[in-house]
N, C-alpha and C. Protein backbone atom coordinates (compact mmCIF):
# COMPACT_ATOMS: atom_id res chain seq x y z
N MET A 1 0.90 -1.15 -0.07
CA MET A 1 -0.01 0.15 0.00
C MET A 1 1.03 1.44 0.00
N SER A 2 1.97 1.47 0.85
CA SER A 2 2.59 2.48 1.05
C SER A 2 3.31 2.82 -0.70
N HIS A 3 3.80 1.67 -1.39
CA HIS A 3 4.41 1.90 -2.68
C HIS A 3 3.42 2.63 -3.40
N ALA A 4 2.26 2.41 -3.50
CA ALA A 4 1.21 3.07 -4.12
C ALA A 4 0.90 4.34 -3.87
N LEU A 5 1.03 4.59 -2.35
CA LEU A 5 0.65 6.02 -2.01
C LEU A 5 1.90 6.95 -2.70
N CYS A 6 3.15 6.20 -2.66
CA CYS A 6 4.22 6.97 -3.07
C CYS A 6 4.16 7.29 -4.34
N ASP A 7 3.70 6.52 -5.27
CA ASP A 7 3.40 6.92 -6.72
C ASP A 7 2.49 8.08 -6.94
N THR A 8 1.62 7.95 -6.17
CA THR A 8 0.27 9.19 -6.21
C THR A 8 0.87 10.31 -5.85
N SER A 9 1.65 10.33 -4.77
CA SER A 9 2.10 11.57 -4.41
C SER A 9 3.24 12.38 -5.32
N TYR A 10 4.00 11.22 -6.10
CA TYR A 10 4.96 11.60 -7.10
C TYR A 10 4.29 12.39 -8.12
N LEU A 11 2.97 11.63 -8.55
CA LEU A 11 2.11 12.29 -9.60
C LEU A 11 1.39 13.48 -9.49
N THR A 12 1.13 13.61 -8.10
CA THR A 12 0.30 14.71 -7.84
C THR A 12 1.32 16.04 -7.69
N ALA A 13 2.70 15.63 -7.51
CA ALA A 13 3.51 16.73 -7.05
C ALA A 13 3.83 17.41 -8.75
N ALA A 14 4.24 16.26 -9.68
CA ALA A 14 4.63 16.61 -11.07
C ALA A 14 3.57 17.07 -11.66
N ALA A 15 2.14 17.06 -11.69
CA ALA A 15 1.21 17.54 -12.14
C ALA A 15 1.13 19.17 -11.54
N THR A 16 1.35 19.32 -10.46
CA THR A 16 1.17 20.72 -9.90
C THR A 16 2.54 21.49 -10.34
N ASP A 17 3.36 20.84 -10.50
CA ASP A 17 4.82 21.53 -10.80
C ASP A 17 4.58 21.86 -12.39
N VAL A 18 4.26 20.92 -13.16
CA VAL A 18 4.22 21.01 -14.53
C VAL A 18 2.86 21.96 -15.22
N CYS A 19 1.60 21.73 -14.72
CA CYS A 19 0.45 22.27 -15.04
C CYS A 19 0.39 23.82 -14.75
N VAL A 20 0.71 24.00 -13.78
CA VAL A 20 0.19 25.30 -13.11
C VAL A 20 0.94 26.42 -13.78
N PRO A 21 2.40 26.25 -14.16
CA PRO A 21 2.98 27.22 -14.73
C PRO A 21 2.52 27.18 -16.35
N TYR A 22 2.04 26.28 -16.92
CA TYR A 22 1.67 26.37 -18.47
C TYR A 22 0.20 27.00 -18.54
N SER A 23 -0.29 26.89 -17.24
CA SER A 23 -1.76 27.37 -17.45
C SER A 23 -1.90 28.88 -17.08
N ALA A 24 -0.69 29.39 -16.36
CA ALA A 24 -0.64 30.66 -16.01
C ALA A 24 0.16 31.57 -17.40
N ALA A 25 0.73 30.94 -18.03
CA ALA A 25 1.84 31.40 -19.12
C ALA A 25 0.92 32.11 -20.30
N SER A 26 -0.17 31.82 -20.64
CA SER A 26 -1.03 32.30 -21.86
C SER A 26 -0.12 32.12 -22.79
N PRO A 27 0.24 30.44 -23.40
CA PRO A 27 1.03 30.63 -24.44
C PRO A 27 0.33 31.16 -25.96
N ARG A 28 0.98 31.43 -27.08
CA ARG A 28 0.61 32.14 -28.08
C ARG A 28 1.54 31.38 -29.16
N LEU A 29 1.09 31.42 -30.35
CA LEU A 29 1.62 30.60 -31.44
C LEU A 29 2.45 31.67 -32.38
N MET A 30 3.34 31.59 -32.82
CA MET A 30 4.28 32.60 -33.49
C MET A 30 4.15 31.72 -35.16
N GLU A 31 4.15 32.72 -36.31
CA GLU A 31 4.28 32.40 -37.32
C GLU A 31 5.61 32.90 -37.90
N PRO A 32 6.51 31.96 -38.88
CA PRO A 32 7.47 32.64 -39.78
C PRO A 32 7.04 33.22 -40.70
N VAL A 33 7.39 34.64 -40.92
CA VAL A 33 6.70 35.46 -42.15
C VAL A 33 8.17 35.96 -43.01
N TYR A 34 7.99 36.22 -43.95
CA TYR A 34 8.99 37.16 -44.91
C TYR A 34 8.77 38.57 -45.27
N ALA A 35 9.37 39.44 -44.77
CA ALA A 35 9.40 40.69 -45.45
C ALA A 35 9.90 40.81 -46.77
N VAL A 36 8.72 41.26 -47.78
CA VAL A 36 8.79 41.22 -48.96
C VAL A 36 8.61 42.41 -49.48
N GLU A 37 9.09 42.95 -50.60
CA GLU A 37 9.20 44.16 -51.07
C GLU A 37 8.78 44.07 -52.86
N VAL A 38 7.77 44.60 -53.31
CA VAL A 38 7.26 44.52 -54.48
C VAL A 38 7.25 45.82 -55.42
N GLN A 39 8.02 45.94 -56.17
CA GLN A 39 7.60 47.09 -57.20
C GLN A 39 6.87 46.78 -58.48
N THR A 40 5.97 47.84 -58.69
CA THR A 40 5.11 47.45 -59.65
C THR A 40 4.41 48.83 -60.24
N PRO A 41 3.87 48.90 -61.34
CA PRO A 41 3.18 50.01 -62.21
C PRO A 41 1.96 50.24 -61.40
N ALA A 42 1.44 51.39 -61.32
CA ALA A 42 -0.03 51.66 -60.71
C ALA A 42 -0.96 51.14 -61.11
N ASP A 43 -1.00 50.45 -62.31
CA ASP A 43 -2.28 49.80 -62.98
C ASP A 43 -2.13 48.18 -62.65
N CYS A 44 -0.97 47.90 -61.55
CA CYS A 44 -1.18 46.54 -61.51
C CYS A 44 -1.20 46.21 -59.69
N MET A 45 -1.55 47.49 -59.09
CA MET A 45 -1.69 47.55 -57.60
C MET A 45 -2.67 46.75 -57.25
N SER A 46 -3.97 46.32 -57.96
CA SER A 46 -4.88 45.74 -57.44
C SER A 46 -4.62 44.28 -57.67
N ALA A 47 -3.82 43.89 -58.58
CA ALA A 47 -3.37 42.40 -58.79
C ALA A 47 -2.41 42.13 -57.84
N ILE A 48 -1.36 43.14 -57.49
CA ILE A 48 -0.53 42.81 -56.10
C ILE A 48 -1.25 42.46 -54.91
N TYR A 49 -2.23 43.41 -54.68
CA TYR A 49 -3.07 43.23 -53.43
C TYR A 49 -3.86 41.85 -53.29
N THR A 50 -4.26 41.47 -54.62
CA THR A 50 -4.77 40.30 -54.65
C THR A 50 -4.24 39.04 -54.32
N VAL A 51 -2.95 38.94 -54.85
CA VAL A 51 -1.97 37.90 -54.75
C VAL A 51 -1.56 37.94 -53.04
N LEU A 52 -1.40 39.04 -52.62
CA LEU A 52 -0.99 38.98 -51.04
C LEU A 52 -1.81 38.57 -50.18
N SER A 53 -3.39 39.05 -50.51
CA SER A 53 -4.53 38.52 -49.66
C SER A 53 -5.02 36.97 -49.94
N LYS A 54 -4.40 36.46 -50.94
CA LYS A 54 -4.76 35.08 -51.17
C LYS A 54 -3.92 34.40 -50.64
N ARG A 55 -2.70 34.69 -50.52
CA ARG A 55 -1.52 34.25 -49.56
C ARG A 55 -1.53 34.60 -48.29
N ARG A 56 -2.33 35.14 -47.77
CA ARG A 56 -2.24 35.76 -46.32
C ARG A 56 -1.15 36.51 -46.00
N GLY A 57 -1.13 37.25 -46.98
CA GLY A 57 0.07 38.62 -46.65
C GLY A 57 -0.66 39.81 -46.14
N HIS A 58 0.24 40.39 -45.45
CA HIS A 58 -0.28 41.72 -44.86
C HIS A 58 0.63 42.71 -45.20
N VAL A 59 -0.03 43.59 -45.94
CA VAL A 59 0.63 45.10 -46.65
C VAL A 59 0.87 45.89 -45.31
N THR A 60 2.20 46.21 -45.27
CA THR A 60 3.12 47.26 -44.26
C THR A 60 2.68 48.53 -45.07
N SER A 61 3.00 48.89 -46.00
CA SER A 61 3.17 50.19 -46.57
C SER A 61 3.08 49.90 -48.43
N ASP A 62 2.78 50.81 -48.98
CA ASP A 62 2.54 51.25 -50.21
C ASP A 62 2.66 52.77 -50.56
N ALA A 63 3.70 53.15 -51.52
CA ALA A 63 4.32 54.36 -51.82
C ALA A 63 4.57 54.46 -53.23
N PRO A 64 4.39 55.57 -53.86
CA PRO A 64 4.71 55.72 -55.23
C PRO A 64 6.51 55.84 -54.90
N LYS A 65 7.28 55.58 -55.98
CA LYS A 65 8.64 55.64 -56.18
C LYS A 65 8.67 57.35 -56.75
N PRO A 66 9.55 58.55 -55.87
CA PRO A 66 9.39 59.63 -56.65
C PRO A 66 10.29 59.88 -57.81
N GLY A 67 9.35 60.44 -59.01
CA GLY A 67 9.98 60.69 -60.29
C GLY A 67 9.54 59.56 -61.09
N THR A 68 8.90 58.72 -60.68
CA THR A 68 8.69 57.20 -61.72
C THR A 68 7.30 56.95 -61.48
N PRO A 69 6.74 56.03 -62.53
CA PRO A 69 5.40 55.88 -62.32
C PRO A 69 5.24 54.31 -61.52
N VAL A 70 6.13 53.88 -60.69
CA VAL A 70 6.67 52.92 -59.78
C VAL A 70 6.08 52.77 -58.52
N TYR A 71 5.18 52.09 -58.19
CA TYR A 71 4.86 52.01 -56.81
C TYR A 71 5.62 50.84 -55.90
N THR A 72 6.14 51.28 -54.86
CA THR A 72 6.78 50.02 -53.80
C THR A 72 5.71 49.65 -52.59
N VAL A 73 5.48 48.10 -52.63
CA VAL A 73 4.78 47.83 -51.92
C VAL A 73 5.33 46.95 -50.71
N ARG A 74 5.30 46.89 -49.66
CA ARG A 74 6.22 46.09 -48.72
C ARG A 74 5.08 45.40 -48.10
N ALA A 75 5.44 44.32 -47.63
CA ALA A 75 4.47 43.12 -46.87
C ALA A 75 5.16 42.08 -46.11
N PHE A 76 4.43 41.50 -45.32
CA PHE A 76 4.75 40.48 -44.57
C PHE A 76 4.07 39.30 -45.08
N LEU A 77 4.84 38.03 -45.75
CA LEU A 77 4.23 36.95 -46.48
C LEU A 77 4.56 35.55 -45.53
N PRO A 78 3.67 35.08 -45.08
CA PRO A 78 3.89 33.88 -44.28
C PRO A 78 4.95 32.74 -45.31
N ALA A 79 5.78 32.53 -44.41
CA ALA A 79 7.11 31.40 -45.08
C ALA A 79 6.30 30.26 -45.80
N ILE A 80 5.16 29.67 -45.27
CA ILE A 80 4.82 28.62 -45.93
C ILE A 80 3.88 29.06 -47.41
N GLU A 81 3.64 30.26 -47.32
CA GLU A 81 3.03 30.60 -48.55
C GLU A 81 3.78 31.48 -49.68
N SER A 82 5.26 31.29 -49.24
CA SER A 82 5.85 31.91 -49.98
C SER A 82 6.55 31.19 -51.50
N PHE A 83 6.33 29.85 -51.28
CA PHE A 83 6.62 29.01 -52.23
C PHE A 83 5.52 29.10 -53.54
N GLY A 84 6.40 29.57 -54.73
CA GLY A 84 5.48 30.13 -55.89
C GLY A 84 5.10 31.12 -56.05
N PHE A 85 5.31 32.14 -54.79
CA PHE A 85 4.79 33.59 -54.65
C PHE A 85 5.35 34.31 -55.96
N GLU A 86 6.37 34.09 -56.47
CA GLU A 86 7.05 34.88 -57.40
C GLU A 86 6.28 34.53 -59.15
N THR A 87 6.14 33.52 -59.03
CA THR A 87 5.66 33.04 -60.24
C THR A 87 3.82 33.29 -60.19
N ASP A 88 3.34 33.38 -59.29
CA ASP A 88 1.97 33.86 -59.04
C ASP A 88 2.12 35.23 -59.27
N LEU A 89 2.71 35.84 -58.94
CA LEU A 89 2.87 37.40 -58.91
C LEU A 89 2.95 37.74 -60.51
N ARG A 90 3.96 37.35 -61.16
CA ARG A 90 4.17 37.43 -62.21
C ARG A 90 2.83 37.16 -63.29
N TYR A 91 2.60 35.94 -63.18
CA TYR A 91 0.97 35.56 -63.62
C TYR A 91 0.22 36.43 -63.49
N HIS A 92 -0.28 37.26 -62.49
CA HIS A 92 -1.16 38.01 -62.27
C HIS A 92 -1.07 39.39 -62.53
N THR A 93 -0.07 39.81 -62.88
CA THR A 93 0.53 40.98 -63.18
C THR A 93 1.19 41.06 -64.43
N GLN A 94 0.94 40.27 -65.51
CA GLN A 94 1.56 39.83 -66.67
C GLN A 94 2.98 40.33 -66.72
N ALA A 95 3.88 40.02 -65.79
CA ALA A 95 5.03 40.14 -65.52
C ALA A 95 5.33 41.67 -65.25
N GLY A 96 4.33 42.57 -64.64
CA GLY A 96 4.53 43.96 -64.08
C GLY A 96 5.06 43.94 -63.13
N GLY A 97 4.77 43.19 -61.91
CA GLY A 97 5.14 43.23 -60.49
C GLY A 97 6.75 42.41 -60.61
N LEU A 98 7.57 43.27 -59.90
CA LEU A 98 8.83 42.72 -59.60
C LEU A 98 9.21 42.69 -58.32
N LEU A 99 9.41 41.42 -57.93
CA LEU A 99 9.53 41.21 -56.61
C LEU A 99 11.28 41.27 -56.15
N ARG A 100 11.43 42.24 -55.52
CA ARG A 100 12.77 42.87 -54.99
C ARG A 100 13.31 41.77 -53.56
N THR A 101 14.30 41.14 -53.67
CA THR A 101 14.68 40.00 -52.74
C THR A 101 16.35 40.37 -52.58
N SER A 102 16.71 40.31 -51.24
CA SER A 102 18.06 40.48 -51.15
C SER A 102 18.85 38.99 -51.11
N SER A 103 20.07 39.05 -51.10
CA SER A 103 20.77 37.62 -51.02
C SER A 103 20.51 37.03 -49.53
N ARG A 104 20.04 37.74 -48.73
CA ARG A 104 19.43 36.97 -47.38
C ARG A 104 18.32 37.36 -46.82
N PRO A 105 17.21 36.70 -47.21
CA PRO A 105 15.74 37.20 -47.11
C PRO A 105 15.60 37.31 -45.48
N THR A 106 14.84 38.56 -45.09
CA THR A 106 14.61 38.70 -43.73
C THR A 106 13.33 37.84 -43.17
N LEU A 107 13.59 36.89 -42.24
CA LEU A 107 12.68 36.24 -41.55
C LEU A 107 12.08 36.80 -40.41
N HIS A 108 10.78 37.20 -39.89
CA HIS A 108 10.36 37.58 -38.72
C HIS A 108 9.28 36.62 -38.23
N LEU A 109 8.98 36.77 -37.03
CA LEU A 109 7.84 35.80 -36.28
C LEU A 109 7.02 36.86 -36.12
N LEU A 110 5.65 36.42 -36.38
CA LEU A 110 4.38 36.92 -36.28
C LEU A 110 3.57 36.40 -35.32
N LEU A 111 2.90 37.21 -34.41
CA LEU A 111 2.26 36.78 -33.19
C LEU A 111 0.65 36.39 -33.98
N LEU A 112 0.43 35.12 -34.07
CA LEU A 112 -0.96 34.66 -34.33
C LEU A 112 -2.14 35.26 -33.65
N LEU A 113 -3.08 35.57 -34.26
CA LEU A 113 -4.37 36.48 -33.54
C LEU A 113 -5.01 35.50 -32.70
N ARG A 114 -5.51 34.18 -33.39
CA ARG A 114 -5.99 33.38 -32.82
C ARG A 114 -5.35 32.58 -31.63
N ALA A 115 -5.67 32.53 -30.37
CA ALA A 115 -5.25 31.53 -29.44
C ALA A 115 -5.32 30.42 -29.61
N PRO A 116 -4.16 29.33 -29.14
CA PRO A 116 -4.19 28.17 -29.44
C PRO A 116 -5.24 27.31 -28.83
N VAL A 117 -5.56 26.41 -29.46
CA VAL A 117 -6.61 25.29 -28.98
C VAL A 117 -5.93 24.15 -28.32
């Protein structure tokens, strides 16, 4: 009997030590996203927004480039949605949208708005 009591007390202590901090921590999910920059003529802006919204992208800024008819759109794009993004961009803009990339893409972590289940 004493052996069973000992096992039960270890389980109770472990449950308290492990479960209580997790319930108080309010964990959140983070998603890796790329910072992308697209340069496009003004007539392709709606196509850029369509492609980004289809791929769950979040536009952070869009501004005209001074002295040119080109707009620069900056956005965050989920890493999982980045595969085939440039091809999709070229298809929808008839090669009017130019994805500007650096040699080392910038990866960020974005807090998901929904709480984990």
